[in-house]
Structures are given as structure tokens and as C-alpha cells.
Amino acid sequence: MVMIILLINIVYVSFFTIRMILTLKGQRYLAAGISVVEVIIYVIGLGLVLENLNEIQNLIAYAVGYGIGVLVGMKIEEKLALGYITVNVITADYDIDLPKQLRGKGYGVTDWLAHGLEGNRMALQILTPRKYELNLYDTIKRLDPKAFIIAYEPKTIYGGFWVKSVKKGKLFREREKEESI
């Protein structure tokens, strides 16, 4: 009984975590569908605990399953990597032509001259699917180890050539080439 309650709660909370993330990303219908399954699992698990409330190990299994479910749900979301990330980069190294190198790899880059405490800098704004986020960081760090990097998730993306480029698969082809090398 303890293992069943533990597993039910891990599954329930994993679904809960994924549903919350989908809701925040605007995936209404998928989130609603997952919530139906989530509630069924929740009621079954809670029912088992309440029927055997005098057995403390069931309550402990429920609580531990909840905690493990949060971790499992977060891991699943990491693997799904839904959405996009915007990365702002500030560099003082003009010689490496960071924007050109990143564009060559398929990233959407907008760059401009910026002024910092210690003089002129180049500022870049880069948009990429989240599943390529870590690869982008590694590329930037390899090209300019002193680059200043800030990342955030945009809520809305509209227009620009980059959206068309992603739909045509340019970024994805560049990624596949790098992985095969």
C-alpha cells in the first residue's frame, strides 16, 4: 500500500507541475487535458490515504511522493524545454565579431553600441528556443569568456525575420551539424 501511494503521488505531482508550466506558457487545451488525468490520480491517491489514515506510513508515503513528484515534474519540464529564451550579452571584445558568429549558427541577434562604466561595449540580444539555451551559453563563453550574460523568458514574440528562419529550420540544421562533428 505504501509503494502504491508513493507512486500515485509522484505521478500526480509530476502531472501537476507540467500542467502549471503549460498553463504559464499559454497551452490552455493541453493543460486542461492533463488536469483531468491529474485530478483522477489525485482523488485515487488521497482516497487511499484517507481510508487508512490510522497508518502513519501511508501519510509519510503521500508526503514523500509529493516531494519526489515535484523533482520529477521539474526534470520532465527541463527535457521538454518549452518556449523561447532571450539572452542579453554585453561584450568589450569587438575583434571576435560575436554577432556575426552567432548569426552564422542560426541565432537571431540584434546588436548595438552601448556605453558602460569602463567605456564602449557591444550589446547583443539573442532569441533562441529553450532547448538550445545551454548550447548558446557555451558558444558565447567559448568565443568571449569575459562576456556578461543575462537571460529571461519572453512572454510574447511577434514578427521579425528570425521567426521565419526558425520555421524553415536554419537553427536546427546548424545545431545538428555541430553535434555530428
N, C-alpha and C. Protein backbone atom coordinates (compact mmCIF):
# COMPACT_ATOMS: atom_id res chain seq x y z
N MET A 1 0.84 -1.20 0.00
CA MET A 1 0.00 0.00 0.00
C MET A 1 0.87 1.25 0.00
N VAL A 2 1.95 1.23 0.79
CA VAL A 2 2.83 2.39 0.90
C VAL A 2 3.43 2.73 -0.47
N MET A 3 3.91 1.70 -1.20
CA MET A 3 4.52 1.93 -2.52
C MET A 3 3.50 2.46 -3.52
N ILE A 4 2.29 1.95 -3.45
CA ILE A 4 1.23 2.42 -4.36
C ILE A 4 0.95 3.89 -4.11
N ILE A 5 0.80 4.28 -2.87
CA ILE A 5 0.54 5.69 -2.52
C ILE A 5 1.71 6.56 -2.95
N LEU A 6 2.92 6.10 -2.71
CA LEU A 6 4.12 6.86 -3.11
C LEU A 6 4.12 7.08 -4.62
N LEU A 7 3.94 6.02 -5.40
CA LEU A 7 3.96 6.12 -6.86
C LEU A 7 2.81 6.98 -7.39
N ILE A 8 1.64 6.83 -6.82
CA ILE A 8 0.48 7.64 -7.26
C ILE A 8 0.78 9.12 -7.06
N ASN A 9 1.35 9.45 -5.92
CA ASN A 9 1.62 10.87 -5.66
C ASN A 9 2.76 11.41 -6.53
N ILE A 10 3.75 10.60 -6.83
CA ILE A 10 4.81 11.04 -7.74
C ILE A 10 4.21 11.37 -9.10
N VAL A 11 3.36 10.48 -9.60
CA VAL A 11 2.72 10.71 -10.90
C VAL A 11 1.81 11.93 -10.84
N TYR A 12 1.00 12.03 -9.79
CA TYR A 12 0.08 13.16 -9.65
C TYR A 12 0.83 14.50 -9.65
N VAL A 13 1.85 14.62 -8.82
CA VAL A 13 2.55 15.90 -8.70
C VAL A 13 3.36 16.20 -9.98
N SER A 14 3.85 15.18 -10.65
CA SER A 14 4.53 15.40 -11.93
C SER A 14 3.56 15.99 -12.94
N PHE A 15 2.37 15.43 -13.01
CA PHE A 15 1.33 15.98 -13.89
C PHE A 15 0.98 17.41 -13.47
N PHE A 16 0.85 17.64 -12.18
CA PHE A 16 0.53 18.97 -11.65
C PHE A 16 1.58 19.99 -12.09
N THR A 17 2.85 19.64 -11.95
CA THR A 17 3.94 20.54 -12.32
C THR A 17 3.92 20.85 -13.81
N ILE A 18 3.76 19.82 -14.62
CA ILE A 18 3.72 20.02 -16.07
C ILE A 18 2.51 20.85 -16.46
N ARG A 19 1.36 20.59 -15.84
CA ARG A 19 0.16 21.38 -16.14
C ARG A 19 0.36 22.86 -15.81
N MET A 20 0.99 23.13 -14.67
CA MET A 20 1.23 24.52 -14.29
C MET A 20 2.14 25.22 -15.31
N ILE A 21 3.17 24.53 -15.74
CA ILE A 21 4.09 25.11 -16.71
C ILE A 21 3.39 25.35 -18.05
N LEU A 22 2.59 24.38 -18.47
CA LEU A 22 1.84 24.56 -19.72
C LEU A 22 0.85 25.72 -19.61
N THR A 23 0.24 25.86 -18.46
CA THR A 23 -0.68 26.98 -18.24
C THR A 23 0.06 28.31 -18.35
N LEU A 24 1.22 28.41 -17.74
CA LEU A 24 2.01 29.63 -17.80
C LEU A 24 2.50 29.93 -19.21
N LYS A 25 2.69 28.89 -20.02
CA LYS A 25 3.16 29.06 -21.39
C LYS A 25 2.01 29.28 -22.37
N GLY A 26 0.78 29.30 -21.86
CA GLY A 26 -0.37 29.58 -22.72
C GLY A 26 -0.92 28.36 -23.45
N GLN A 27 -0.53 27.17 -23.08
CA GLN A 27 -1.01 25.93 -23.71
C GLN A 27 -2.29 25.48 -22.99
N ARG A 28 -3.36 26.24 -23.17
CA ARG A 28 -4.60 26.04 -22.41
C ARG A 28 -5.20 24.65 -22.55
N TYR A 29 -5.39 24.21 -23.78
CA TYR A 29 -6.11 22.96 -24.01
C TYR A 29 -5.32 21.74 -23.55
N LEU A 30 -4.03 21.75 -23.79
CA LEU A 30 -3.19 20.66 -23.32
C LEU A 30 -3.17 20.64 -21.79
N ALA A 31 -3.07 21.82 -21.18
CA ALA A 31 -3.08 21.92 -19.71
C ALA A 31 -4.41 21.42 -19.15
N ALA A 32 -5.51 21.75 -19.82
CA ALA A 32 -6.83 21.29 -19.36
C ALA A 32 -6.95 19.77 -19.46
N GLY A 33 -6.45 19.20 -20.54
CA GLY A 33 -6.47 17.75 -20.70
C GLY A 33 -5.65 17.05 -19.63
N ILE A 34 -4.47 17.57 -19.36
CA ILE A 34 -3.62 16.99 -18.33
C ILE A 34 -4.27 17.11 -16.96
N SER A 35 -4.99 18.22 -16.73
CA SER A 35 -5.62 18.40 -15.41
C SER A 35 -6.70 17.36 -15.14
N VAL A 36 -7.36 16.88 -16.18
CA VAL A 36 -8.38 15.84 -16.00
C VAL A 36 -7.72 14.57 -15.44
N VAL A 37 -6.62 14.16 -16.07
CA VAL A 37 -5.89 12.97 -15.62
C VAL A 37 -5.32 13.21 -14.22
N GLU A 38 -4.80 14.41 -14.01
CA GLU A 38 -4.21 14.79 -12.72
C GLU A 38 -5.21 14.64 -11.57
N VAL A 39 -6.41 15.12 -11.76
CA VAL A 39 -7.42 15.08 -10.70
C VAL A 39 -7.85 13.64 -10.40
N ILE A 40 -7.96 12.82 -11.43
CA ILE A 40 -8.33 11.42 -11.21
C ILE A 40 -7.26 10.73 -10.36
N ILE A 41 -6.00 10.95 -10.71
CA ILE A 41 -4.90 10.35 -9.94
C ILE A 41 -4.90 10.89 -8.51
N TYR A 42 -5.14 12.18 -8.36
CA TYR A 42 -5.16 12.82 -7.03
C TYR A 42 -6.23 12.20 -6.13
N VAL A 43 -7.43 12.06 -6.67
CA VAL A 43 -8.55 11.53 -5.88
C VAL A 43 -8.27 10.08 -5.46
N ILE A 44 -7.72 9.30 -6.36
CA ILE A 44 -7.39 7.91 -6.02
C ILE A 44 -6.35 7.87 -4.90
N GLY A 45 -5.27 8.63 -5.04
CA GLY A 45 -4.21 8.65 -4.03
C GLY A 45 -4.69 9.15 -2.69
N LEU A 46 -5.41 10.26 -2.70
CA LEU A 46 -5.92 10.82 -1.45
C LEU A 46 -6.92 9.86 -0.80
N GLY A 47 -7.73 9.21 -1.62
CA GLY A 47 -8.69 8.24 -1.09
C GLY A 47 -8.00 7.10 -0.36
N LEU A 48 -6.91 6.60 -0.94
CA LEU A 48 -6.17 5.52 -0.28
C LEU A 48 -5.61 5.96 1.07
N VAL A 49 -5.12 7.19 1.13
CA VAL A 49 -4.56 7.70 2.40
C VAL A 49 -5.68 7.89 3.42
N LEU A 50 -6.79 8.48 3.00
CA LEU A 50 -7.88 8.75 3.94
C LEU A 50 -8.55 7.47 4.44
N GLU A 51 -8.61 6.42 3.61
CA GLU A 51 -9.18 5.14 4.04
C GLU A 51 -8.32 4.49 5.12
N ASN A 52 -7.04 4.78 5.09
CA ASN A 52 -6.10 4.16 6.03
C ASN A 52 -5.36 5.23 6.82
N LEU A 53 -6.09 6.20 7.31
CA LEU A 53 -5.49 7.35 8.00
C LEU A 53 -4.80 6.96 9.30
N ASN A 54 -5.19 5.84 9.87
CA ASN A 54 -4.57 5.39 11.12
C ASN A 54 -3.17 4.82 10.91
N GLU A 55 -2.76 4.61 9.66
CA GLU A 55 -1.42 4.08 9.36
C GLU A 55 -0.53 5.22 8.90
N ILE A 56 0.37 5.64 9.80
CA ILE A 56 1.21 6.81 9.57
C ILE A 56 2.11 6.66 8.35
N GLN A 57 2.52 5.44 8.03
CA GLN A 57 3.40 5.22 6.89
C GLN A 57 2.73 5.63 5.57
N ASN A 58 1.40 5.53 5.50
CA ASN A 58 0.70 5.97 4.29
C ASN A 58 0.77 7.48 4.12
N LEU A 59 0.61 8.18 5.24
CA LEU A 59 0.72 9.64 5.20
C LEU A 59 2.13 10.07 4.83
N ILE A 60 3.12 9.39 5.38
CA ILE A 60 4.52 9.70 5.06
C ILE A 60 4.80 9.41 3.57
N ALA A 61 4.28 8.29 3.07
CA ALA A 61 4.46 7.94 1.66
C ALA A 61 3.83 9.01 0.77
N TYR A 62 2.66 9.51 1.18
CA TYR A 62 1.98 10.56 0.42
C TYR A 62 2.85 11.82 0.37
N ALA A 63 3.39 12.21 1.51
CA ALA A 63 4.22 13.43 1.58
C ALA A 63 5.53 13.27 0.80
N VAL A 64 6.18 12.12 0.96
CA VAL A 64 7.45 11.88 0.24
C VAL A 64 7.18 11.81 -1.27
N GLY A 65 6.09 11.17 -1.65
CA GLY A 65 5.72 11.10 -3.07
C GLY A 65 5.49 12.48 -3.65
N TYR A 66 4.91 13.36 -2.86
CA TYR A 66 4.68 14.74 -3.30
C TYR A 66 6.02 15.42 -3.60
N GLY A 67 6.96 15.30 -2.67
CA GLY A 67 8.27 15.91 -2.86
C GLY A 67 9.01 15.36 -4.06
N ILE A 68 9.01 14.04 -4.20
CA ILE A 68 9.67 13.42 -5.34
C ILE A 68 8.97 13.82 -6.65
N GLY A 69 7.65 13.92 -6.60
CA GLY A 69 6.88 14.33 -7.78
C GLY A 69 7.26 15.72 -8.27
N VAL A 70 7.53 16.64 -7.35
CA VAL A 70 7.98 17.98 -7.75
C VAL A 70 9.29 17.88 -8.52
N LEU A 71 10.23 17.09 -7.99
CA LEU A 71 11.53 16.92 -8.67
C LEU A 71 11.37 16.26 -10.04
N VAL A 72 10.55 15.22 -10.12
CA VAL A 72 10.33 14.52 -11.39
C VAL A 72 9.66 15.46 -12.40
N GLY A 73 8.66 16.20 -11.96
CA GLY A 73 7.98 17.15 -12.85
C GLY A 73 8.93 18.20 -13.39
N MET A 74 9.83 18.70 -12.55
CA MET A 74 10.80 19.70 -12.99
C MET A 74 11.77 19.09 -14.00
N LYS A 75 12.18 17.86 -13.78
CA LYS A 75 13.09 17.18 -14.72
C LYS A 75 12.41 16.99 -16.07
N ILE A 76 11.14 16.59 -16.06
CA ILE A 76 10.40 16.40 -17.30
C ILE A 76 10.31 17.74 -18.05
N GLU A 77 10.01 18.82 -17.32
CA GLU A 77 9.92 20.13 -17.96
C GLU A 77 11.25 20.54 -18.56
N GLU A 78 12.35 20.26 -17.87
CA GLU A 78 13.68 20.57 -18.40
C GLU A 78 13.90 19.86 -19.73
N LYS A 79 13.47 18.62 -19.80
CA LYS A 79 13.65 17.84 -21.04
C LYS A 79 12.75 18.36 -22.15
N LEU A 80 11.54 18.77 -21.81
CA LEU A 80 10.64 19.32 -22.82
C LEU A 80 11.14 20.68 -23.32
N ALA A 81 11.69 21.49 -22.42
CA ALA A 81 12.24 22.82 -22.73
C ALA A 81 11.31 23.61 -23.65
N LEU A 82 10.10 23.84 -23.18
CA LEU A 82 9.11 24.57 -23.97
C LEU A 82 9.43 26.05 -24.04
N GLY A 83 9.10 26.66 -25.15
CA GLY A 83 9.21 28.10 -25.29
C GLY A 83 10.57 28.58 -25.77
N TYR A 84 10.78 29.86 -25.57
CA TYR A 84 11.98 30.54 -26.04
C TYR A 84 12.67 31.25 -24.89
N ILE A 85 13.91 31.62 -25.12
CA ILE A 85 14.68 32.38 -24.14
C ILE A 85 15.31 33.56 -24.86
N THR A 86 15.33 34.71 -24.20
CA THR A 86 16.03 35.88 -24.72
C THR A 86 17.28 36.06 -23.88
N VAL A 87 18.40 36.20 -24.55
CA VAL A 87 19.68 36.33 -23.86
C VAL A 87 20.29 37.68 -24.25
N ASN A 88 20.59 38.48 -23.23
CA ASN A 88 21.30 39.74 -23.46
C ASN A 88 22.76 39.52 -23.11
N VAL A 89 23.64 39.95 -24.01
CA VAL A 89 25.08 39.78 -23.83
C VAL A 89 25.74 41.14 -23.98
N ILE A 90 26.68 41.43 -23.09
CA ILE A 90 27.47 42.65 -23.20
C ILE A 90 28.93 42.22 -23.30
N THR A 91 29.61 42.72 -24.34
CA THR A 91 30.99 42.35 -24.57
C THR A 91 31.82 43.58 -24.90
N ALA A 92 33.09 43.53 -24.53
CA ALA A 92 34.02 44.61 -24.86
C ALA A 92 34.93 44.18 -26.01
N ASP A 93 34.84 42.92 -26.41
CA ASP A 93 35.73 42.37 -27.43
C ASP A 93 35.07 42.49 -28.82
N TYR A 94 35.44 43.53 -29.55
CA TYR A 94 34.89 43.74 -30.88
C TYR A 94 35.58 42.87 -31.94
N ASP A 95 36.80 42.40 -31.64
CA ASP A 95 37.60 41.68 -32.63
C ASP A 95 37.01 40.33 -33.03
N ILE A 96 36.27 39.71 -32.15
CA ILE A 96 35.75 38.37 -32.46
C ILE A 96 34.46 38.43 -33.28
N ASP A 97 33.87 39.60 -33.42
CA ASP A 97 32.60 39.77 -34.15
C ASP A 97 31.58 38.73 -33.72
N LEU A 98 31.27 38.76 -32.43
CA LEU A 98 30.33 37.82 -31.82
C LEU A 98 28.98 37.77 -32.55
N PRO A 99 28.39 38.93 -32.91
CA PRO A 99 27.09 38.85 -33.60
C PRO A 99 27.15 38.03 -34.90
N LYS A 100 28.19 38.24 -35.68
CA LYS A 100 28.31 37.53 -36.96
C LYS A 100 28.46 36.03 -36.73
N GLN A 101 29.27 35.66 -35.74
CA GLN A 101 29.48 34.23 -35.47
C GLN A 101 28.19 33.56 -34.99
N LEU A 102 27.44 34.26 -34.14
CA LEU A 102 26.19 33.69 -33.64
C LEU A 102 25.13 33.61 -34.74
N ARG A 103 25.07 34.65 -35.59
CA ARG A 103 24.14 34.60 -36.73
C ARG A 103 24.48 33.44 -37.66
N GLY A 104 25.76 33.19 -37.83
CA GLY A 104 26.20 32.08 -38.68
C GLY A 104 25.73 30.73 -38.16
N LYS A 105 25.46 30.65 -36.86
CA LYS A 105 24.97 29.41 -36.26
C LYS A 105 23.44 29.37 -36.25
N GLY A 106 22.80 30.42 -36.77
CA GLY A 106 21.35 30.43 -36.89
C GLY A 106 20.61 31.18 -35.80
N TYR A 107 21.32 31.79 -34.87
CA TYR A 107 20.65 32.55 -33.81
C TYR A 107 20.20 33.91 -34.33
N GLY A 108 19.07 34.38 -33.83
CA GLY A 108 18.60 35.72 -34.14
C GLY A 108 19.32 36.70 -33.22
N VAL A 109 20.13 37.60 -33.77
CA VAL A 109 20.93 38.52 -32.97
C VAL A 109 20.67 39.96 -33.41
N THR A 110 20.40 40.80 -32.45
CA THR A 110 20.35 42.24 -32.67
C THR A 110 21.46 42.83 -31.83
N ASP A 111 22.28 43.70 -32.43
CA ASP A 111 23.39 44.27 -31.66
C ASP A 111 23.39 45.78 -31.81
N TRP A 112 23.97 46.44 -30.81
CA TRP A 112 24.08 47.90 -30.81
C TRP A 112 25.23 48.34 -29.92
N LEU A 113 25.65 49.56 -30.10
CA LEU A 113 26.72 50.15 -29.30
C LEU A 113 26.14 50.56 -27.95
N ALA A 114 26.84 50.19 -26.89
CA ALA A 114 26.41 50.54 -25.54
C ALA A 114 27.57 51.22 -24.82
N HIS A 115 27.26 51.94 -23.78
CA HIS A 115 28.29 52.64 -23.00
C HIS A 115 28.22 52.15 -21.57
N GLY A 116 29.36 51.63 -21.08
CA GLY A 116 29.44 51.13 -19.71
C GLY A 116 30.38 51.98 -18.89
N LEU A 117 30.57 51.60 -17.65
CA LEU A 117 31.44 52.33 -16.73
C LEU A 117 32.86 52.44 -17.28
N GLU A 118 33.32 51.37 -17.92
CA GLU A 118 34.69 51.34 -18.41
C GLU A 118 34.81 51.60 -19.91
N GLY A 119 33.79 52.21 -20.52
CA GLY A 119 33.89 52.58 -21.93
C GLY A 119 32.84 51.93 -22.80
N ASN A 120 33.11 51.95 -24.11
CA ASN A 120 32.17 51.40 -25.08
C ASN A 120 32.11 49.88 -25.01
N ARG A 121 30.92 49.38 -25.21
CA ARG A 121 30.66 47.95 -25.22
C ARG A 121 29.74 47.64 -26.39
N MET A 122 29.66 46.38 -26.73
CA MET A 122 28.68 45.93 -27.71
C MET A 122 27.61 45.17 -26.93
N ALA A 123 26.35 45.53 -27.16
CA ALA A 123 25.24 44.83 -26.52
C ALA A 123 24.55 43.98 -27.58
N LEU A 124 24.18 42.79 -27.20
CA LEU A 124 23.50 41.86 -28.10
C LEU A 124 22.24 41.35 -27.45
N GLN A 125 21.24 41.15 -28.25
CA GLN A 125 20.02 40.49 -27.79
C GLN A 125 19.79 39.30 -28.71
N ILE A 126 19.67 38.12 -28.11
CA ILE A 126 19.60 36.87 -28.87
C ILE A 126 18.35 36.11 -28.44
N LEU A 127 17.62 35.61 -29.42
CA LEU A 127 16.42 34.82 -29.15
C LEU A 127 16.68 33.41 -29.64
N THR A 128 16.35 32.42 -28.80
CA THR A 128 16.56 31.02 -29.17
C THR A 128 15.53 30.13 -28.48
N PRO A 129 15.19 28.99 -29.09
CA PRO A 129 14.36 28.02 -28.38
C PRO A 129 15.08 27.57 -27.11
N ARG A 130 14.33 27.32 -26.05
CA ARG A 130 14.94 26.96 -24.77
C ARG A 130 15.80 25.71 -24.85
N LYS A 131 15.46 24.80 -25.77
CA LYS A 131 16.25 23.58 -25.83
C LYS A 131 17.68 23.84 -26.32
N TYR A 132 17.95 25.01 -26.87
CA TYR A 132 19.30 25.37 -27.31
C TYR A 132 19.98 26.36 -26.37
N GLU A 133 19.34 26.66 -25.24
CA GLU A 133 19.83 27.66 -24.31
C GLU A 133 21.25 27.36 -23.81
N LEU A 134 21.47 26.17 -23.32
CA LEU A 134 22.79 25.84 -22.77
C LEU A 134 23.87 25.85 -23.85
N ASN A 135 23.50 25.40 -25.05
CA ASN A 135 24.45 25.44 -26.16
C ASN A 135 24.83 26.88 -26.50
N LEU A 136 23.87 27.79 -26.44
CA LEU A 136 24.15 29.20 -26.70
C LEU A 136 25.11 29.75 -25.66
N TYR A 137 24.87 29.46 -24.38
CA TYR A 137 25.77 29.93 -23.32
C TYR A 137 27.18 29.40 -23.55
N ASP A 138 27.28 28.11 -23.87
CA ASP A 138 28.60 27.52 -24.10
C ASP A 138 29.31 28.19 -25.27
N THR A 139 28.57 28.46 -26.34
CA THR A 139 29.16 29.12 -27.52
C THR A 139 29.66 30.51 -27.17
N ILE A 140 28.85 31.27 -26.45
CA ILE A 140 29.25 32.64 -26.08
C ILE A 140 30.48 32.59 -25.18
N LYS A 141 30.47 31.72 -24.18
CA LYS A 141 31.60 31.62 -23.25
C LYS A 141 32.88 31.17 -23.96
N ARG A 142 32.73 30.30 -24.95
CA ARG A 142 33.90 29.85 -25.71
C ARG A 142 34.47 30.99 -26.55
N LEU A 143 33.59 31.78 -27.16
CA LEU A 143 34.04 32.88 -28.02
C LEU A 143 34.52 34.09 -27.22
N ASP A 144 33.86 34.36 -26.09
CA ASP A 144 34.23 35.51 -25.25
C ASP A 144 34.01 35.15 -23.77
N PRO A 145 35.04 34.60 -23.13
CA PRO A 145 34.90 34.18 -21.72
C PRO A 145 34.55 35.32 -20.77
N LYS A 146 34.79 36.57 -21.16
CA LYS A 146 34.51 37.70 -20.28
C LYS A 146 33.15 38.33 -20.54
N ALA A 147 32.37 37.75 -21.43
CA ALA A 147 31.05 38.31 -21.76
C ALA A 147 30.14 38.29 -20.54
N PHE A 148 29.31 39.33 -20.44
CA PHE A 148 28.30 39.44 -19.38
C PHE A 148 26.98 38.95 -19.99
N ILE A 149 26.35 37.95 -19.36
CA ILE A 149 25.17 37.30 -19.93
C ILE A 149 24.00 37.37 -18.95
N ILE A 150 22.85 37.79 -19.47
CA ILE A 150 21.59 37.80 -18.70
C ILE A 150 20.53 37.14 -19.59
N ALA A 151 19.71 36.26 -19.01
CA ALA A 151 18.68 35.57 -19.79
C ALA A 151 17.32 35.70 -19.12
N TYR A 152 16.28 35.72 -19.93
CA TYR A 152 14.91 35.73 -19.43
C TYR A 152 14.00 35.15 -20.49
N GLU A 153 12.78 34.78 -20.07
CA GLU A 153 11.81 34.22 -21.00
C GLU A 153 10.86 35.31 -21.48
N PRO A 154 10.77 35.52 -22.79
CA PRO A 154 9.81 36.49 -23.30
C PRO A 154 8.39 35.92 -23.24
N LYS A 155 7.44 36.78 -22.97
CA LYS A 155 6.05 36.35 -22.91
C LYS A 155 5.43 36.28 -24.31
N THR A 156 5.76 37.25 -25.16
CA THR A 156 5.18 37.32 -26.49
C THR A 156 6.28 37.55 -27.52
N ILE A 157 6.18 36.86 -28.65
CA ILE A 157 7.10 37.07 -29.76
C ILE A 157 6.24 37.30 -31.00
N TYR A 158 6.52 38.37 -31.72
CA TYR A 158 5.77 38.66 -32.92
C TYR A 158 6.69 39.30 -33.95
N GLY A 159 6.60 38.86 -35.18
CA GLY A 159 7.32 39.48 -36.28
C GLY A 159 8.80 39.17 -36.30
N GLY A 160 9.49 39.86 -37.21
CA GLY A 160 10.93 39.68 -37.36
C GLY A 160 11.26 38.53 -38.28
N PHE A 161 12.44 38.59 -38.88
CA PHE A 161 12.84 37.53 -39.80
C PHE A 161 13.17 36.24 -39.07
N TRP A 162 13.56 36.35 -37.81
CA TRP A 162 14.02 35.19 -37.08
C TRP A 162 12.92 34.14 -36.95
N VAL A 163 11.69 34.57 -36.73
CA VAL A 163 10.58 33.63 -36.58
C VAL A 163 10.46 32.80 -37.86
N LYS A 164 10.58 33.44 -39.01
CA LYS A 164 10.52 32.72 -40.29
C LYS A 164 11.69 31.77 -40.42
N SER A 165 12.86 32.21 -39.97
CA SER A 165 14.08 31.40 -40.06
C SER A 165 13.94 30.13 -39.22
N VAL A 166 13.37 30.25 -38.04
CA VAL A 166 13.19 29.08 -37.18
C VAL A 166 12.22 28.11 -37.84
N LYS A 167 11.15 28.64 -38.42
CA LYS A 167 10.18 27.78 -39.08
C LYS A 167 10.81 27.02 -40.25
N LYS A 168 11.78 27.65 -40.92
CA LYS A 168 12.47 26.99 -42.02
C LYS A 168 13.52 26.01 -41.52
N GLY A 169 13.86 26.06 -40.23
CA GLY A 169 14.75 25.08 -39.64
C GLY A 169 16.23 25.42 -39.70
N LYS A 170 16.60 26.67 -40.00
CA LYS A 170 18.02 27.01 -40.11
C LYS A 170 18.77 26.74 -38.81
N LEU A 171 18.25 27.19 -37.69
CA LEU A 171 18.92 27.00 -36.41
C LEU A 171 19.06 25.52 -36.09
N PHE A 172 18.03 24.76 -36.39
CA PHE A 172 18.07 23.34 -36.07
C PHE A 172 19.10 22.61 -36.92
N ARG A 173 19.24 23.01 -38.19
CA ARG A 173 20.25 22.39 -39.06
C ARG A 173 21.65 22.70 -38.56
N GLU A 174 21.89 23.95 -38.11
CA GLU A 174 23.19 24.31 -37.59
C GLU A 174 23.53 23.49 -36.35
N ARG A 175 22.56 23.28 -35.49
CA ARG A 175 22.75 22.51 -34.27
C ARG A 175 23.12 21.06 -34.61
N GLU A 176 22.43 20.48 -35.58
CA GLU A 176 22.69 19.11 -35.98
C GLU A 176 24.11 18.97 -36.55
N LYS A 177 24.55 19.97 -37.32
CA LYS A 177 25.91 19.95 -37.87
C LYS A 177 26.94 19.93 -36.75
N GLU A 178 26.73 20.78 -35.72
CA GLU A 178 27.67 20.84 -34.58
C GLU A 178 27.72 19.52 -33.84
N GLU A 179 26.56 18.89 -33.66
CA GLU A 179 26.51 17.64 -32.91
C GLU A 179 27.18 16.50 -33.67
N SER A 180 27.19 16.57 -34.99
CA SER A 180 27.79 15.48 -35.77
C SER A 180 29.31 15.61 -35.85
N ILE A 181 29.83 16.78 -35.48
CA ILE A 181 31.29 16.99 -35.54
C ILE A 181 31.98 16.45 -34.32
